[in-house]
C-alpha atoms as a PDB file:
ATOM      1  CA  MET A   1      83.733  76.207 106.791  1.00  0.00           C
ATOM      2  CA  VAL A   2      86.024  77.176 103.925  1.00  0.00           C
ATOM      3  CA  ARG A   3      83.681  75.831 101.292  1.00  0.00           C
ATOM      4  CA  ASN A   4      80.673  77.379 102.997  1.00  0.00           C
ATOM      5  CA  GLY A   5      82.215  80.861 103.044  1.00  0.00           C
ATOM      6  CA  PRO A   6      81.706  81.757  99.370  1.00  0.00           C
ATOM      7  CA  VAL A   7      78.218  80.202  99.352  1.00  0.00           C
ATOM      8  CA  THR A   8      77.308  82.152 102.479  1.00  0.00           C
ATOM      9  CA  GLY A   9      78.515  85.297 100.739  1.00  0.00           C
ATOM     10  CA  LEU A  10      76.270  84.599  97.754  1.00  0.00           C
ATOM     11  CA  VAL A  11      73.255  84.034 100.015  1.00  0.00           C
ATOM     12  CA  ALA A  12      74.046  87.206 101.960  1.00  0.00           C
ATOM     13  CA  GLN A  13      74.262  89.149  98.705  1.00  0.00           C
ATOM     14  CA  VAL A  14      70.817  87.940  97.632  1.00  0.00           C
ATOM     15  CA  VAL A  15      69.452  89.014 101.034  1.00  0.00           C
ATOM     16  CA  VAL A  16      70.985  92.486 100.643  1.00  0.00           C
ATOM     17  CA  LEU A  17      69.584  92.867  97.129  1.00  0.00           C
ATOM     18  CA  ALA A  18      66.147  91.627  98.195  1.00  0.00           C
ATOM     19  CA  SER A  19      66.140  94.124 101.068  1.00  0.00           C
ATOM     20  CA  LEU A  20      66.994  96.948  98.668  1.00  0.00           C
ATOM     21  CA  ALA A  21      64.301  95.785  96.252  1.00  0.00           C
ATOM     22  CA  ALA A  22      61.741  95.871  99.056  1.00  0.00           C
ATOM     23  CA  THR A  23      62.750  99.306 100.329  1.00  0.00           C
ATOM     24  CA  VAL A  24      63.974 101.339  97.347  1.00  0.00           C
ATOM     25  CA  ARG A  25      62.609  99.265  94.438  1.00  0.00           C
ATOM     26  CA  LEU A  26      65.813  97.943  92.931  1.00  0.00           C
ATOM     27  CA  SER A  27      65.635  97.738  89.138  1.00  0.00           C
ATOM     28  CA  ILE A  28      66.651  94.877  86.845  1.00  0.00           C
ATOM     29  CA  ALA A  29      69.959  96.639  86.202  1.00  0.00           C
ATOM     30  CA  GLY A  30      70.616  96.760  89.934  1.00  0.00           C
ATOM     31  CA  TRP A  31      69.727  93.087  90.408  1.00  0.00           C
ATOM     32  CA  ALA A  32      71.888  92.054  87.458  1.00  0.00           C
ATOM     33  CA  THR A  33      74.872  94.044  88.695  1.00  0.00           C
ATOM     34  CA  GLY A  34      74.571  92.781  92.255  1.00  0.00           C
ATOM     35  CA  LEU A  35      74.178  89.138  91.255  1.00  0.00           C
ATOM     36  CA  ALA A  36      76.977  89.279  88.670  1.00  0.00           C
ATOM     37  CA  TYR A  37      79.273  90.789  91.284  1.00  0.00           C
ATOM     38  CA  ALA A  38      78.347  88.106  93.829  1.00  0.00           C
ATOM     39  CA  LEU A  39      78.863  85.223  91.395  1.00  0.00           C
ATOM     40  CA  ILE A  40      82.236  86.499  90.188  1.00  0.00           C
ATOM     41  CA  ALA A  41      83.318  87.207  93.763  1.00  0.00           C
ATOM     42  CA  MET A  42      82.283  83.688  94.835  1.00  0.00           C
ATOM     43  CA  VAL A  43      84.353  82.073  92.065  1.00  0.00           C
ATOM     44  CA  LEU A  44      87.403  84.214  92.815  1.00  0.00           C
ATOM     45  CA  LEU A  45      87.035  83.641  96.540  1.00  0.00           C
ATOM     46  CA  ARG A  46      86.894  79.855  96.175  1.00  0.00           C
ATOM     47  CA  ARG A  47      89.930  79.978  93.942  1.00  0.00           C
ATOM     48  CA  ALA A  48      91.869  82.133  96.416  1.00  0.00           C
ATOM     49  CA  LEU A  49      90.955  79.809  99.285  1.00  0.00           C
ATOM     50  CA  SER A  50      92.145  76.802  97.343  1.00  0.00           C
ATOM     51  CA  ARG A  51      95.443  78.450  96.450  1.00  0.00           C
ATOM     52  CA  SER A  52      96.084  79.667  99.990  1.00  0.00           C
ATOM     53  CA  GLY A  53      95.463  76.241 101.499  1.00  0.00           C
ATOM     54  CA  SER A  54      93.254  77.785 104.196  1.00  0.00           C
ATOM     55  CA  THR A  55      91.295  75.290 106.268  1.00  0.00           C
ATOM     56  CA  ALA A  56      88.854  77.707 107.899  1.00  0.00           C
ATOM     57  CA  PHE A  57      87.497  81.216 107.578  1.00  0.00           C
ATOM     58  CA  GLY A  58      88.927  83.361 110.356  1.00  0.00           C
ATOM     59  CA  PRO A  59      86.762  85.763 112.392  1.00  0.00           C
ATOM     60  CA  ALA A  60      88.013  88.739 110.377  1.00  0.00           C
ATOM     61  CA  ASP A  61      87.236  86.949 107.112  1.00  0.00           C
ATOM     62  CA  TRP A  62      83.567  86.773 108.083  1.00  0.00           C
ATOM     63  CA  VAL A  63      83.589  90.524 108.717  1.00  0.00           C
ATOM     64  CA  THR A  64      85.167  91.044 105.290  1.00  0.00           C
ATOM     65  CA  LEU A  65      82.553  88.744 103.757  1.00  0.00           C
ATOM     66  CA  THR A  66      79.852  90.963 105.265  1.00  0.00           C
ATOM     67  CA  ARG A  67      81.560  93.985 103.772  1.00  0.00           C
ATOM     68  CA  MET A  68      81.690  92.231 100.422  1.00  0.00           C
ATOM     69  CA  SER A  69      77.902  91.843 100.453  1.00  0.00           C
ATOM     70  CA  LEU A  70      77.437  95.498 101.382  1.00  0.00           C
ATOM     71  CA  VAL A  71      79.726  96.548  98.540  1.00  0.00           C
ATOM     72  CA  GLY A  72      77.513  94.505  96.222  1.00  0.00           C
ATOM     73  CA  GLY A  73      74.577  96.581  97.428  1.00  0.00           C
ATOM     74  CA  VAL A  74      76.480  99.795  96.702  1.00  0.00           C
ATOM     75  CA  ALA A  75      77.314  98.479  93.227  1.00  0.00           C
ATOM     76  CA  ALA A  76      73.667  97.593  92.575  1.00  0.00           C
ATOM     77  CA  LEU A  77      72.454 101.051  93.606  1.00  0.00           C
ATOM     78  CA  THR A  78      75.199 102.709  91.558  1.00  0.00           C
ATOM     79  CA  ALA A  79      74.174 100.743  88.469  1.00  0.00           C
ATOM     80  CA  ASP A  80      70.564 101.675  89.178  1.00  0.00           C
ATOM     81  CA  GLY A  81      71.525 105.335  89.332  1.00  0.00           C
ATOM     82  CA  LEU A  82      72.917 105.339  85.818  1.00  0.00           C
ATOM     83  CA  ASN A  83      69.399 105.274  84.381  1.00  0.00           C
ATOM     84  CA  ARG A  84      67.173 106.701  87.090  1.00  0.00           C
ATOM     85  CA  THR A  85      67.194 108.605  90.354  1.00  0.00           C
ATOM     86  CA  VAL A  86      68.090 106.454  93.347  1.00  0.00           C
ATOM     87  CA  ARG A  87      68.101 106.989  97.103  1.00  0.00           C
ATOM     88  CA  VAL A  88      71.548 108.488  97.559  1.00  0.00           C
ATOM     89  CA  ASP A  89      71.087 108.444 101.328  1.00  0.00           C
ATOM     90  CA  VAL A  90      70.697 104.659 101.254  1.00  0.00           C
ATOM     91  CA  LEU A  91      73.727 104.229  98.992  1.00  0.00           C
ATOM     92  CA  VAL A  92      75.857 106.465 101.212  1.00  0.00           C
ATOM     93  CA  SER A  93      74.672 104.755 104.405  1.00  0.00           C
ATOM     94  CA  ILE A  94      75.643 101.317 103.119  1.00  0.00           C
ATOM     95  CA  ALA A  95      79.011 102.637 101.911  1.00  0.00           C
ATOM     96  CA  VAL A  96      79.726 104.220 105.298  1.00  0.00           C
ATOM     97  CA  VAL A  97      78.967 100.942 107.114  1.00  0.00           C
ATOM     98  CA  ALA A  98      81.287  99.108 104.697  1.00  0.00           C
ATOM     99  CA  LEU A  99      84.034 101.649 105.381  1.00  0.00           C
ATOM    100  CA  LEU A 100      83.583 101.372 109.143  1.00  0.00           C
ATOM    101  CA  LEU A 101      83.679  97.581 109.015  1.00  0.00           C
ATOM    102  CA  ASP A 102      87.011  97.829 107.219  1.00  0.00           C
ATOM    103  CA  TRP A 103      88.324  99.407 110.405  1.00  0.00           C
ATOM    104  CA  VAL A 104      86.935  96.405 112.297  1.00  0.00           C
ATOM    105  CA  ASP A 105      88.185  93.399 110.342  1.00  0.00           C
ATOM    106  CA  GLY A 106      91.882  94.257 110.580  1.00  0.00           C
ATOM    107  CA  ARG A 107      91.639  94.716 114.322  1.00  0.00           C
ATOM    108  CA  VAL A 108      89.683  91.495 114.744  1.00  0.00           C
ATOM    109  CA  ALA A 109      92.396  89.625 112.840  1.00  0.00           C
ATOM    110  CA  ARG A 110      95.159  91.072 115.008  1.00  0.00           C
ATOM    111  CA  ARG A 111      93.366  90.618 118.320  1.00  0.00           C
ATOM    112  CA  THR A 112      92.435  87.013 117.592  1.00  0.00           C
ATOM    113  CA  GLY A 113      95.829  86.177 116.098  1.00  0.00           C
ATOM    114  CA  THR A 114      94.205  85.032 112.855  1.00  0.00           C
ATOM    115  CA  ALA A 115      95.799  87.466 110.401  1.00  0.00           C
ATOM    116  CA  SER A 116      96.751  85.726 107.161  1.00  0.00           C
ATOM    117  CA  GLU A 117      97.970  86.519 103.662  1.00  0.00           C
ATOM    118  CA  PHE A 118      94.615  85.337 102.307  1.00  0.00           C
ATOM    119  CA  GLY A 119      92.679  87.584 104.691  1.00  0.00           C
ATOM    120  CA  ALA A 120      94.815  90.607 103.838  1.00  0.00           C
ATOM    121  CA  ARG A 121      94.321  90.063 100.100  1.00  0.00           C
ATOM    122  CA  PHE A 122      90.577  89.440 100.544  1.00  0.00           C
ATOM    123  CA  ASP A 123      90.264  92.682 102.489  1.00  0.00           C
ATOM    124  CA  MET A 124      92.301  94.587  99.898  1.00  0.00           C
ATOM    125  CA  GLU A 125      90.215  93.427  96.958  1.00  0.00           C
ATOM    126  CA  VAL A 126      86.940  94.349  98.679  1.00  0.00           C
ATOM    127  CA  ASP A 127      88.385  97.778  99.505  1.00  0.00           C
ATOM    128  CA  SER A 128      89.532  98.320  95.946  1.00  0.00           C
ATOM    129  CA  PHE A 129      86.191  97.438  94.423  1.00  0.00           C
ATOM    130  CA  LEU A 130      84.321  99.654  96.886  1.00  0.00           C
ATOM    131  CA  LEU A 131      86.509 102.600  95.884  1.00  0.00           C
ATOM    132  CA  LEU A 132      85.942 101.811  92.214  1.00  0.00           C
ATOM    133  CA  VAL A 133      82.155 101.737  92.668  1.00  0.00           C
ATOM    134  CA  LEU A 134      82.183 104.944  94.715  1.00  0.00           C
ATOM    135  CA  SER A 135      84.203 106.680  92.003  1.00  0.00           C
ATOM    136  CA  VAL A 136      81.573 105.643  89.436  1.00  0.00           C
ATOM    137  CA  ALA A 137      78.817 106.982  91.692  1.00  0.00           C
ATOM    138  CA  ALA A 138      80.702 110.239  92.324  1.00  0.00           C
ATOM    139  CA  ALA A 139      81.393 110.724  88.606  1.00  0.00           C
ATOM    140  CA  ARG A 140      77.710 111.493  87.998  1.00  0.00           C
ATOM    141  CA  SER A 141      77.989 114.815  89.790  1.00  0.00           C
ATOM    142  CA  ALA A 142      81.731 115.522  89.822  1.00  0.00           C
ATOM    143  CA  GLY A 143      82.652 114.424  86.310  1.00  0.00           C
ATOM    144  CA  ALA A 144      84.177 111.416  84.589  1.00  0.00           C
ATOM    145  CA  TRP A 145      87.692 112.356  85.726  1.00  0.00           C
ATOM    146  CA  VAL A 146      86.819 111.025  89.200  1.00  0.00           C
ATOM    147  CA  LEU A 147      86.988 107.497  87.748  1.00  0.00           C
ATOM    148  CA  VAL A 148      90.760 107.849  88.088  1.00  0.00           C
ATOM    149  CA  PHE A 149      90.322 107.352  91.849  1.00  0.00           C
ATOM    150  CA  GLY A 150      88.905 103.866  91.513  1.00  0.00           C
ATOM    151  CA  GLY A 151      90.912 102.880  88.464  1.00  0.00           C
ATOM    152  CA  MET A 152      94.375 103.793  89.708  1.00  0.00           C
ATOM    153  CA  ARG A 153      94.887 100.675  91.814  1.00  0.00           C
ATOM    154  CA  TYR A 154      93.722  98.416  88.971  1.00  0.00           C
ATOM    155  CA  ALA A 155      96.038 100.216  86.550  1.00  0.00           C
ATOM    156  CA  PHE A 156      98.868  99.678  89.023  1.00  0.00           C
ATOM    157  CA  GLY A 157      98.071  95.964  89.148  1.00  0.00           C
ATOM    158  CA  ALA A 158      97.725  95.677  85.370  1.00  0.00           C
ATOM    159  CA  ALA A 159     101.138  97.269  84.932  1.00  0.00           C
ATOM    160  CA  GLY A 160     102.594  94.328  86.830  1.00  0.00           C
ATOM    161  CA  TRP A 161     101.554  91.971  84.055  1.00  0.00           C
ATOM    162  CA  VAL A 162     103.483  94.065  81.531  1.00  0.00           C
ATOM    163  CA  LEU A 163     106.456  95.078  83.678  1.00  0.00           C
ATOM    164  CA  PRO A 164     107.727  92.134  85.770  1.00  0.00           C
ATOM    165  CA  TRP A 165     109.682  94.380  88.132  1.00  0.00           C
ATOM    166  CA  MET A 166     106.384  95.874  89.340  1.00  0.00           C
ATOM    167  CA  ARG A 167     105.319  92.466  90.690  1.00  0.00           C
ATOM    168  CA  ALA A 168     107.834  92.600  93.531  1.00  0.00           C
ATOM    169  CA  GLN A 169     106.536  92.866  97.074  1.00  0.00           C
ATOM    170  CA  LEU A 170     106.384  96.360  98.478  1.00  0.00           C
ATOM    171  CA  PRO A 171     107.552  97.121 102.023  1.00  0.00           C
ATOM    172  CA  PRO A 172     104.808  98.026 104.520  1.00  0.00           C
ATOM    173  CA  ARG A 173     103.964 101.717 104.625  1.00  0.00           C
ATOM    174  CA  TYR A 174     101.220 103.105 106.869  1.00  0.00           C
ATOM    175  CA  TRP A 175     100.815 106.199 104.682  1.00  0.00           C
ATOM    176  CA  ARG A 176      99.098 104.034 102.027  1.00  0.00           C
ATOM    177  CA  LYS A 177      96.290 103.261 104.450  1.00  0.00           C
ATOM    178  CA  VAL A 178      95.946 106.916 105.419  1.00  0.00           C
ATOM    179  CA  VAL A 179      95.646 107.965 101.773  1.00  0.00           C
ATOM    180  CA  ALA A 180      93.195 105.173 100.922  1.00  0.00           C
ATOM    181  CA  THR A 181      91.023 106.042 103.929  1.00  0.00           C
ATOM    182  CA  ALA A 182      90.981 109.691 102.861  1.00  0.00           C
ATOM    183  CA  GLU A 183      90.011 108.557  99.357  1.00  0.00           C
ATOM    184  CA  GLY A 184      87.045 106.575 100.677  1.00  0.00           C
ATOM    185  CA  VAL A 185      85.816 109.419 102.874  1.00  0.00           C
ATOM    186  CA  VAL A 186      86.130 112.062 100.135  1.00  0.00           C
ATOM    187  CA  LEU A 187      84.352 109.871  97.578  1.00  0.00           C
ATOM    188  CA  VAL A 188      81.472 109.281  99.995  1.00  0.00           C
ATOM    189  CA  VAL A 189      81.219 113.029 100.598  1.00  0.00           C
ATOM    190  CA  ALA A 190      81.217 113.610  96.829  1.00  0.00           C
ATOM    191  CA  VAL A 191      78.449 111.039  96.310  1.00  0.00           C
ATOM    192  CA  ALA A 192      76.393 112.503  99.168  1.00  0.00           C
ATOM    193  CA  ASP A 193      76.835 115.980  97.665  1.00  0.00           C
ATOM    194  CA  VAL A 194      76.588 117.602 101.116  1.00  0.00           C
ATOM    195  CA  LEU A 195      79.248 120.259 100.581  1.00  0.00           C
ATOM    196  CA  PRO A 196      79.280 123.232  98.217  1.00  0.00           C
ATOM    197  CA  ARG A 197      80.562 122.110  94.831  1.00  0.00           C
ATOM    198  CA  PRO A 198      83.835 124.128  95.020  1.00  0.00           C
ATOM    199  CA  LEU A 199      84.733 122.521  98.370  1.00  0.00           C
ATOM    200  CA  THR A 200      83.976 119.039  97.055  1.00  0.00           C
ATOM    201  CA  LEU A 201      86.119 119.685  93.988  1.00  0.00           C
ATOM    202  CA  LEU A 202      88.964 120.991  96.155  1.00  0.00           C
ATOM    203  CA  ALA A 203      88.801 117.890  98.376  1.00  0.00           C
ATOM    204  CA  LEU A 204      88.818 115.599  95.336  1.00  0.00           C
ATOM    205  CA  VAL A 205      91.794 117.368  93.748  1.00  0.00           C
ATOM    206  CA  ALA A 206      93.744 117.286  97.025  1.00  0.00           C
ATOM    207  CA  THR A 207      93.012 113.577  97.461  1.00  0.00           C
ATOM    208  CA  LEU A 208      94.021 112.856  93.887  1.00  0.00           C
ATOM    209  CA  PHE A 209      97.329 114.569  94.558  1.00  0.00           C
ATOM    210  CA  LEU A 210      97.873 112.295  97.578  1.00  0.00           C
ATOM    211  CA  LEU A 211      97.014 109.224  95.510  1.00  0.00           C
ATOM    212  CA  VAL A 212      99.412 110.149  92.727  1.00  0.00           C
ATOM    213  CA  GLU A 213     102.150 110.815  95.288  1.00  0.00           C
ATOM    214  CA  SER A 214     101.559 107.509  97.075  1.00  0.00           C
ATOM    215  CA  PHE A 215     101.396 105.351  93.952  1.00  0.00           C
ATOM    216  CA  GLY A 216     104.269 107.283  92.417  1.00  0.00           C
ATOM    217  CA  ARG A 217     106.459 106.643  95.434  1.00  0.00           C
ATOM    218  CA  ASP A 218     105.752 102.917  95.198  1.00  0.00           C
ATOM    219  CA  VAL A 219     106.519 102.822  91.481  1.00  0.00           C
ATOM    220  CA  LEU A 220     109.779 104.681  92.122  1.00  0.00           C
ATOM    221  CA  TRP A 221     110.736 102.216  94.885  1.00  0.00           C
ATOM    222  CA  LEU A 222     109.997  99.251  92.621  1.00  0.00           C
ATOM    223  CA  TRP A 223     112.029 100.802  89.801  1.00  0.00           C
ATOM    224  CA  ARG A 224     115.029 101.476  92.025  1.00  0.00           C
ATOM    225  CA  ASN A 225     114.884  97.938  93.447  1.00  0.00           C
ATOM    226  CA  ARG A 226     114.166  96.125  90.200  1.00  0.00           C
ATOM    227  CA  PRO A 227     116.271  93.024  89.506  1.00  0.00           C
ATOM    228  CA  ILE A 228     119.137  93.557  87.120  1.00  0.00           C
ATOM    229  CA  GLY A 229     120.032  90.565  84.994  1.00  0.00           C
ATOM    230  CA  ARG A 230     118.148  87.974  87.035  1.00  0.00           C
ATOM    231  CA  PRO A 231     114.500  87.354  87.971  1.00  0.00           C
ATOM    232  CA  ARG A 232     113.332  88.465  91.355  1.00  0.00           C
ATOM    233  CA  PRO A 233     110.701  86.595  93.386  1.00  0.00           C
ATOM    234  CA  GLY A 234     107.293  88.219  93.329  1.00  0.00           C
ATOM    235  CA  HIS A 235     103.822  86.861  92.780  1.00  0.00           C
ATOM    236  CA  ASP A 236     101.446  89.693  93.589  1.00  0.00           C
ATOM    237  CA  PRO A 237     100.768  91.900  90.539  1.00  0.00           C
ATOM    238  CA  ALA A 238      99.318  94.568  92.814  1.00  0.00           C
ATOM    239  CA  GLY A 239     102.127  94.422  95.378  1.00  0.00           C
ATOM    240  CA  ALA A 240     101.964  92.656  98.715  1.00  0.00           C
ATOM    241  CA  GLU A 241     101.133  95.889 100.446  1.00  0.00           C
ATOM    242  CA  SER A 242      98.764  97.696  98.107  1.00  0.00           C
ATOM    243  CA  HIS A 243      96.671 100.837  98.432  1.00  0.00           C
ATOM    244  CA  ASP A 244      93.765  99.561 100.470  1.00  0.00           C
ATOM    245  CA  LEU A 245      91.719 101.099 103.237  1.00  0.00           C
ATOM    246  CA  ALA A 246      92.626 101.154 106.882  1.00  0.00           C
ATOM    247  CA  GLY A 247      91.691  97.566 107.706  1.00  0.00           C
END
């Protein structure tokens, strides 16, 4: 089952892309983006499974795998939209389903007693990439500055490779999930362009403030608790409890 998981994800991604091609005429750019995403995700997923020593995909992992395929569809449509007009309603609908399923997989893991470090990291990475793609899609109408929304978590992780003290595990904090959920909702609203532009801009600025506050608080905690004179255990460059959605 472990080895079949990544392959199943690749097949599911092809099905999603084929469905989009049949309904909204996905371009070569969309196909290339979706397939590249699926192949890279499959390699990283197999590697993570091997490192974790997992012997089976849990029920929640299959939900996350479904979300991963939907995120690939959002990425394909976003890439398509860089050169031509795409069906924003389809893009938004897929993104909303992916966001709702994030609410599902965490609860499935807890109710079935199958929560794991691998599952939490898998969920987090899918969340992070969805937010990155949505920020790219929203940047078309709101401006390039919106890319900060999707890039902030990756910048936080990259900083861990330069500053060892930022690789320490962060304590759990529910506020991170609240902020990340708000980020996802606001980005979807910005992509859908259903509100007057001033209201959308206000929502984006307010959410950015929350993101800066949340990440800033984590950086401050890591700085105050950094090891002095001796190495401190820590293996997750993004922090054990990162800024993911509410899964």
